[in-house]
């Protein structure tokens, strides 16, 4: 309800073309849709986002290997800007706009649950919400797949500005 009211007061505009009405319009979102699934460990193309043999054979910091990861959009350009707006500009009502781009994933594959990466308690107090949880819950609502808080935070270290290698090391 509050999100709808905020949308009337401060309408969303597409981060790519500026068209009013959504954080990322369908036309621009299609341009950034990920067409090839990749291994979560190294990024090599893999069937249904399955972890590749090379990454399965090495330990990922004691974390069980993933069966697969599905990604809806390239995290770059206007997609990245829409997510950053959701995260840092308190545009909570952008989550349902972004969630619709996940539809092809659950139409092609079967998922047991949708989850999110937790933020540190300090970041949660600062923002008042967890942006990845908002997006995951919006995806769960649209898809009918249950949202389950499956992950826990190990530390409160911030990752903003860290490269891929350092982020993977911290898993």
C-alpha atoms as a PDB file:
ATOM      1  CA  UNK A   1       0.000   0.000   0.000  1.00  0.00           C
ATOM      2  CA  UNK A   2       2.744   2.456   0.970  1.00  0.00           C
ATOM      3  CA  UNK A   3       4.708   1.403  -2.121  1.00  0.00           C
ATOM      4  CA  UNK A   4       1.765   2.235  -4.380  1.00  0.00           C
ATOM      5  CA  UNK A   5       1.344   5.617  -2.690  1.00  0.00           C
ATOM      6  CA  UNK A   6       5.069   6.355  -3.077  1.00  0.00           C
ATOM      7  CA  UNK A   7       4.870   5.354  -6.723  1.00  0.00           C
ATOM      8  CA  UNK A   8       2.172   7.984  -7.236  1.00  0.00           C
ATOM      9  CA  UNK A   9       4.229  10.651  -5.474  1.00  0.00           C
ATOM     10  CA  UNK A  10       7.594   9.661  -6.952  1.00  0.00           C
ATOM     11  CA  UNK A  11       6.913   7.627 -10.106  1.00  0.00           C
ATOM     12  CA  UNK A  12       9.555   5.168 -11.194  1.00  0.00           C
ATOM     13  CA  UNK A  13      11.346   5.750 -14.453  1.00  0.00           C
ATOM     14  CA  UNK A  14      13.229   3.135 -16.457  1.00  0.00           C
ATOM     15  CA  UNK A  15      16.942   3.398 -15.666  1.00  0.00           C
ATOM     16  CA  UNK A  16      17.733   2.828 -19.339  1.00  0.00           C
ATOM     17  CA  UNK A  17      15.285   4.832 -21.467  1.00  0.00           C
ATOM     18  CA  UNK A  18      13.653   7.053 -18.816  1.00  0.00           C
ATOM     19  CA  UNK A  19      10.115   5.893 -19.660  1.00  0.00           C
ATOM     20  CA  UNK A  20       7.893   6.460 -16.633  1.00  0.00           C
ATOM     21  CA  UNK A  21       6.148   3.574 -14.919  1.00  0.00           C
ATOM     22  CA  UNK A  22       8.756   1.004 -13.909  1.00  0.00           C
ATOM     23  CA  UNK A  23      12.340   0.741 -12.676  1.00  0.00           C
ATOM     24  CA  UNK A  24      13.235  -1.203 -15.808  1.00  0.00           C
ATOM     25  CA  UNK A  25      10.741  -1.320 -18.662  1.00  0.00           C
ATOM     26  CA  UNK A  26      10.081  -4.615 -20.432  1.00  0.00           C
ATOM     27  CA  UNK A  27      11.701  -3.436 -23.690  1.00  0.00           C
ATOM     28  CA  UNK A  28      14.973  -2.434 -22.014  1.00  0.00           C
ATOM     29  CA  UNK A  29      14.912  -5.466 -19.709  1.00  0.00           C
ATOM     30  CA  UNK A  30      14.759  -7.808 -22.694  1.00  0.00           C
ATOM     31  CA  UNK A  31      18.013  -6.273 -23.937  1.00  0.00           C
ATOM     32  CA  UNK A  32      19.727  -7.248 -20.669  1.00  0.00           C
ATOM     33  CA  UNK A  33      18.163 -10.706 -20.258  1.00  0.00           C
ATOM     34  CA  UNK A  34      20.708 -13.456 -19.648  1.00  0.00           C
ATOM     35  CA  UNK A  35      20.340 -16.045 -22.384  1.00  0.00           C
ATOM     36  CA  UNK A  36      23.066 -18.482 -21.281  1.00  0.00           C
ATOM     37  CA  UNK A  37      23.219 -19.962 -17.789  1.00  0.00           C
ATOM     38  CA  UNK A  38      26.640 -19.988 -16.115  1.00  0.00           C
ATOM     39  CA  UNK A  39      28.517 -21.815 -13.376  1.00  0.00           C
ATOM     40  CA  UNK A  40      28.306 -19.793 -10.155  1.00  0.00           C
ATOM     41  CA  UNK A  41      31.966 -20.508  -9.385  1.00  0.00           C
ATOM     42  CA  UNK A  42      33.772 -19.483 -12.571  1.00  0.00           C
ATOM     43  CA  UNK A  43      31.161 -18.085 -14.975  1.00  0.00           C
ATOM     44  CA  UNK A  44      31.642 -20.656 -17.736  1.00  0.00           C
ATOM     45  CA  UNK A  45      28.453 -21.505 -19.647  1.00  0.00           C
ATOM     46  CA  UNK A  46      26.757 -24.530 -18.098  1.00  0.00           C
ATOM     47  CA  UNK A  47      23.487 -26.374 -18.564  1.00  0.00           C
ATOM     48  CA  UNK A  48      20.792 -24.895 -16.283  1.00  0.00           C
ATOM     49  CA  UNK A  49      23.443 -22.991 -14.318  1.00  0.00           C
ATOM     50  CA  UNK A  50      24.898 -26.180 -12.874  1.00  0.00           C
ATOM     51  CA  UNK A  51      28.229 -25.931 -11.060  1.00  0.00           C
ATOM     52  CA  UNK A  52      30.893 -27.068 -13.547  1.00  0.00           C
ATOM     53  CA  UNK A  53      33.108 -30.121 -12.906  1.00  0.00           C
ATOM     54  CA  UNK A  54      36.179 -27.967 -12.229  1.00  0.00           C
ATOM     55  CA  UNK A  55      34.415 -25.965  -9.517  1.00  0.00           C
ATOM     56  CA  UNK A  56      32.760 -29.097  -8.074  1.00  0.00           C
ATOM     57  CA  UNK A  57      36.180 -30.687  -7.656  1.00  0.00           C
ATOM     58  CA  UNK A  58      37.552 -27.893  -5.488  1.00  0.00           C
ATOM     59  CA  UNK A  59      36.238 -26.905  -2.074  1.00  0.00           C
ATOM     60  CA  UNK A  60      34.410 -23.583  -1.921  1.00  0.00           C
ATOM     61  CA  UNK A  61      35.565 -22.486   1.546  1.00  0.00           C
ATOM     62  CA  UNK A  62      33.742 -25.371   3.211  1.00  0.00           C
ATOM     63  CA  UNK A  63      30.409 -24.449   1.622  1.00  0.00           C
ATOM     64  CA  UNK A  64      28.485 -27.287  -0.032  1.00  0.00           C
ATOM     65  CA  UNK A  65      28.570 -27.045  -3.807  1.00  0.00           C
ATOM     66  CA  UNK A  66      25.520 -25.581  -5.461  1.00  0.00           C
ATOM     67  CA  UNK A  67      23.419 -27.786  -7.709  1.00  0.00           C
ATOM     68  CA  UNK A  68      22.881 -24.742  -9.905  1.00  0.00           C
ATOM     69  CA  UNK A  69      22.185 -21.049  -9.992  1.00  0.00           C
ATOM     70  CA  UNK A  70      19.715 -19.377 -12.306  1.00  0.00           C
ATOM     71  CA  UNK A  71      20.244 -15.763 -13.256  1.00  0.00           C
ATOM     72  CA  UNK A  72      17.576 -13.669 -14.952  1.00  0.00           C
ATOM     73  CA  UNK A  73      19.489 -10.566 -16.045  1.00  0.00           C
ATOM     74  CA  UNK A  74      23.029  -9.346 -16.639  1.00  0.00           C
ATOM     75  CA  UNK A  75      24.077  -7.270 -13.619  1.00  0.00           C
ATOM     76  CA  UNK A  76      25.304  -4.357 -15.691  1.00  0.00           C
ATOM     77  CA  UNK A  77      24.068  -1.090 -17.189  1.00  0.00           C
ATOM     78  CA  UNK A  78      20.429  -0.215 -16.412  1.00  0.00           C
ATOM     79  CA  UNK A  79      19.832  -3.476 -14.502  1.00  0.00           C
ATOM     80  CA  UNK A  80      22.682  -2.661 -12.150  1.00  0.00           C
ATOM     81  CA  UNK A  81      21.369   0.892 -11.757  1.00  0.00           C
ATOM     82  CA  UNK A  82      17.849  -0.338 -10.948  1.00  0.00           C
ATOM     83  CA  UNK A  83      19.229  -2.708  -8.287  1.00  0.00           C
ATOM     84  CA  UNK A  84      21.443   0.037  -6.845  1.00  0.00           C
ATOM     85  CA  UNK A  85      18.430   2.372  -6.711  1.00  0.00           C
ATOM     86  CA  UNK A  86      16.496  -0.323  -4.859  1.00  0.00           C
ATOM     87  CA  UNK A  87      19.438  -0.795  -2.511  1.00  0.00           C
ATOM     88  CA  UNK A  88      20.691   2.741  -1.860  1.00  0.00           C
ATOM     89  CA  UNK A  89      17.843   5.065  -2.889  1.00  0.00           C
ATOM     90  CA  UNK A  90      15.147   3.262  -0.864  1.00  0.00           C
ATOM     91  CA  UNK A  91      13.112   2.547  -3.999  1.00  0.00           C
ATOM     92  CA  UNK A  92      11.486  -0.509  -2.389  1.00  0.00           C
ATOM     93  CA  UNK A  93       8.629  -0.452  -4.872  1.00  0.00           C
ATOM     94  CA  UNK A  94      11.111  -1.272  -7.673  1.00  0.00           C
ATOM     95  CA  UNK A  95      11.342  -4.913  -6.458  1.00  0.00           C
ATOM     96  CA  UNK A  96       8.093  -6.103  -8.129  1.00  0.00           C
ATOM     97  CA  UNK A  97       9.182  -4.463 -11.415  1.00  0.00           C
ATOM     98  CA  UNK A  98      12.449  -6.373 -11.346  1.00  0.00           C
ATOM     99  CA  UNK A  99      10.784  -9.625 -10.211  1.00  0.00           C
ATOM    100  CA  UNK A 100       8.867  -9.983 -13.477  1.00  0.00           C
ATOM    101  CA  UNK A 101      12.133 -10.607 -15.340  1.00  0.00           C
ATOM    102  CA  UNK A 102      12.534 -13.878 -13.442  1.00  0.00           C
ATOM    103  CA  UNK A 103       9.383 -15.404 -15.025  1.00  0.00           C
ATOM    104  CA  UNK A 104      11.210 -17.300 -17.806  1.00  0.00           C
ATOM    105  CA  UNK A 105      13.301 -19.066 -15.159  1.00  0.00           C
ATOM    106  CA  UNK A 106      10.409 -20.679 -13.305  1.00  0.00           C
ATOM    107  CA  UNK A 107       8.628 -21.412 -16.572  1.00  0.00           C
ATOM    108  CA  UNK A 108      11.654 -23.462 -17.735  1.00  0.00           C
ATOM    109  CA  UNK A 109      12.822 -25.054 -14.483  1.00  0.00           C
ATOM    110  CA  UNK A 110      11.407 -26.328 -11.198  1.00  0.00           C
ATOM    111  CA  UNK A 111      12.501 -24.581  -8.006  1.00  0.00           C
ATOM    112  CA  UNK A 112      11.902 -25.693  -4.427  1.00  0.00           C
ATOM    113  CA  UNK A 113      12.340 -22.262  -2.883  1.00  0.00           C
ATOM    114  CA  UNK A 114      13.392 -18.664  -3.386  1.00  0.00           C
ATOM    115  CA  UNK A 115      15.869 -17.222  -0.892  1.00  0.00           C
ATOM    116  CA  UNK A 116      17.927 -14.087  -0.390  1.00  0.00           C
ATOM    117  CA  UNK A 117      21.330 -13.081   0.879  1.00  0.00           C
ATOM    118  CA  UNK A 118      21.015 -11.468   4.314  1.00  0.00           C
ATOM    119  CA  UNK A 119      22.495  -8.041   5.016  1.00  0.00           C
ATOM    120  CA  UNK A 120      24.432  -7.264   8.155  1.00  0.00           C
ATOM    121  CA  UNK A 121      22.392  -6.105  11.165  1.00  0.00           C
ATOM    122  CA  UNK A 122      24.013  -2.663  10.855  1.00  0.00           C
ATOM    123  CA  UNK A 123      23.003  -2.303   7.192  1.00  0.00           C
ATOM    124  CA  UNK A 124      19.486  -3.461   8.031  1.00  0.00           C
ATOM    125  CA  UNK A 125      19.195  -0.824  10.772  1.00  0.00           C
ATOM    126  CA  UNK A 126      20.625   1.804   8.394  1.00  0.00           C
ATOM    127  CA  UNK A 127      18.228   1.047   5.504  1.00  0.00           C
ATOM    128  CA  UNK A 128      15.306  -0.448   7.388  1.00  0.00           C
ATOM    129  CA  UNK A 129      15.055  -3.324   4.887  1.00  0.00           C
ATOM    130  CA  UNK A 130      17.056  -5.958   3.010  1.00  0.00           C
ATOM    131  CA  UNK A 131      16.903  -5.230  -0.724  1.00  0.00           C
ATOM    132  CA  UNK A 132      17.650  -8.810  -1.783  1.00  0.00           C
ATOM    133  CA  UNK A 133      14.874 -10.095   0.503  1.00  0.00           C
ATOM    134  CA  UNK A 134      12.406  -7.615  -1.038  1.00  0.00           C
ATOM    135  CA  UNK A 135      13.323  -8.835  -4.506  1.00  0.00           C
ATOM    136  CA  UNK A 136      13.246 -12.524  -3.495  1.00  0.00           C
ATOM    137  CA  UNK A 137       9.844 -12.134  -1.813  1.00  0.00           C
ATOM    138  CA  UNK A 138       8.504 -10.367  -4.931  1.00  0.00           C
ATOM    139  CA  UNK A 139       9.769 -13.252  -7.095  1.00  0.00           C
ATOM    140  CA  UNK A 140       8.192 -15.763  -4.687  1.00  0.00           C
ATOM    141  CA  UNK A 141       4.828 -13.945  -4.801  1.00  0.00           C
ATOM    142  CA  UNK A 142       4.818 -13.822  -8.609  1.00  0.00           C
ATOM    143  CA  UNK A 143       5.896 -17.430  -9.052  1.00  0.00           C
ATOM    144  CA  UNK A 144       4.018 -19.129  -6.235  1.00  0.00           C
ATOM    145  CA  UNK A 145       7.326 -20.658  -5.111  1.00  0.00           C
ATOM    146  CA  UNK A 146       7.805 -20.351  -1.339  1.00  0.00           C
ATOM    147  CA  UNK A 147      10.260 -17.826   0.071  1.00  0.00           C
ATOM    148  CA  UNK A 148      12.538 -19.423   2.678  1.00  0.00           C
ATOM    149  CA  UNK A 149      15.248 -17.559   4.648  1.00  0.00           C
ATOM    150  CA  UNK A 150      17.907 -20.253   4.142  1.00  0.00           C
ATOM    151  CA  UNK A 151      21.124 -18.257   4.476  1.00  0.00           C
ATOM    152  CA  UNK A 152      22.807 -16.759   7.521  1.00  0.00           C
ATOM    153  CA  UNK A 153      25.309 -13.946   7.768  1.00  0.00           C
ATOM    154  CA  UNK A 154      28.804 -14.969   8.955  1.00  0.00           C
ATOM    155  CA  UNK A 155      30.248 -11.506   9.444  1.00  0.00           C
ATOM    156  CA  UNK A 156      29.298  -7.884   9.140  1.00  0.00           C
ATOM    157  CA  UNK A 157      32.160  -7.003   6.768  1.00  0.00           C
ATOM    158  CA  UNK A 158      31.002  -4.792   3.907  1.00  0.00           C
ATOM    159  CA  UNK A 159      31.692  -5.975   0.361  1.00  0.00           C
ATOM    160  CA  UNK A 160      30.979  -2.771  -1.523  1.00  0.00           C
ATOM    161  CA  UNK A 161      33.885  -2.123  -3.875  1.00  0.00           C
ATOM    162  CA  UNK A 162      35.421  -5.611  -3.565  1.00  0.00           C
ATOM    163  CA  UNK A 163      36.263  -7.592  -6.669  1.00  0.00           C
ATOM    164  CA  UNK A 164      34.900 -11.018  -7.608  1.00  0.00           C
ATOM    165  CA  UNK A 165      37.930 -12.918  -6.284  1.00  0.00           C
ATOM    166  CA  UNK A 166      37.715 -11.313  -2.839  1.00  0.00           C
ATOM    167  CA  UNK A 167      33.944 -11.866  -2.665  1.00  0.00           C
ATOM    168  CA  UNK A 168      34.387 -15.557  -3.501  1.00  0.00           C
ATOM    169  CA  UNK A 169      37.138 -15.865  -0.906  1.00  0.00           C
ATOM    170  CA  UNK A 170      34.733 -14.558   1.739  1.00  0.00           C
ATOM    171  CA  UNK A 171      31.972 -17.089   0.991  1.00  0.00           C
END
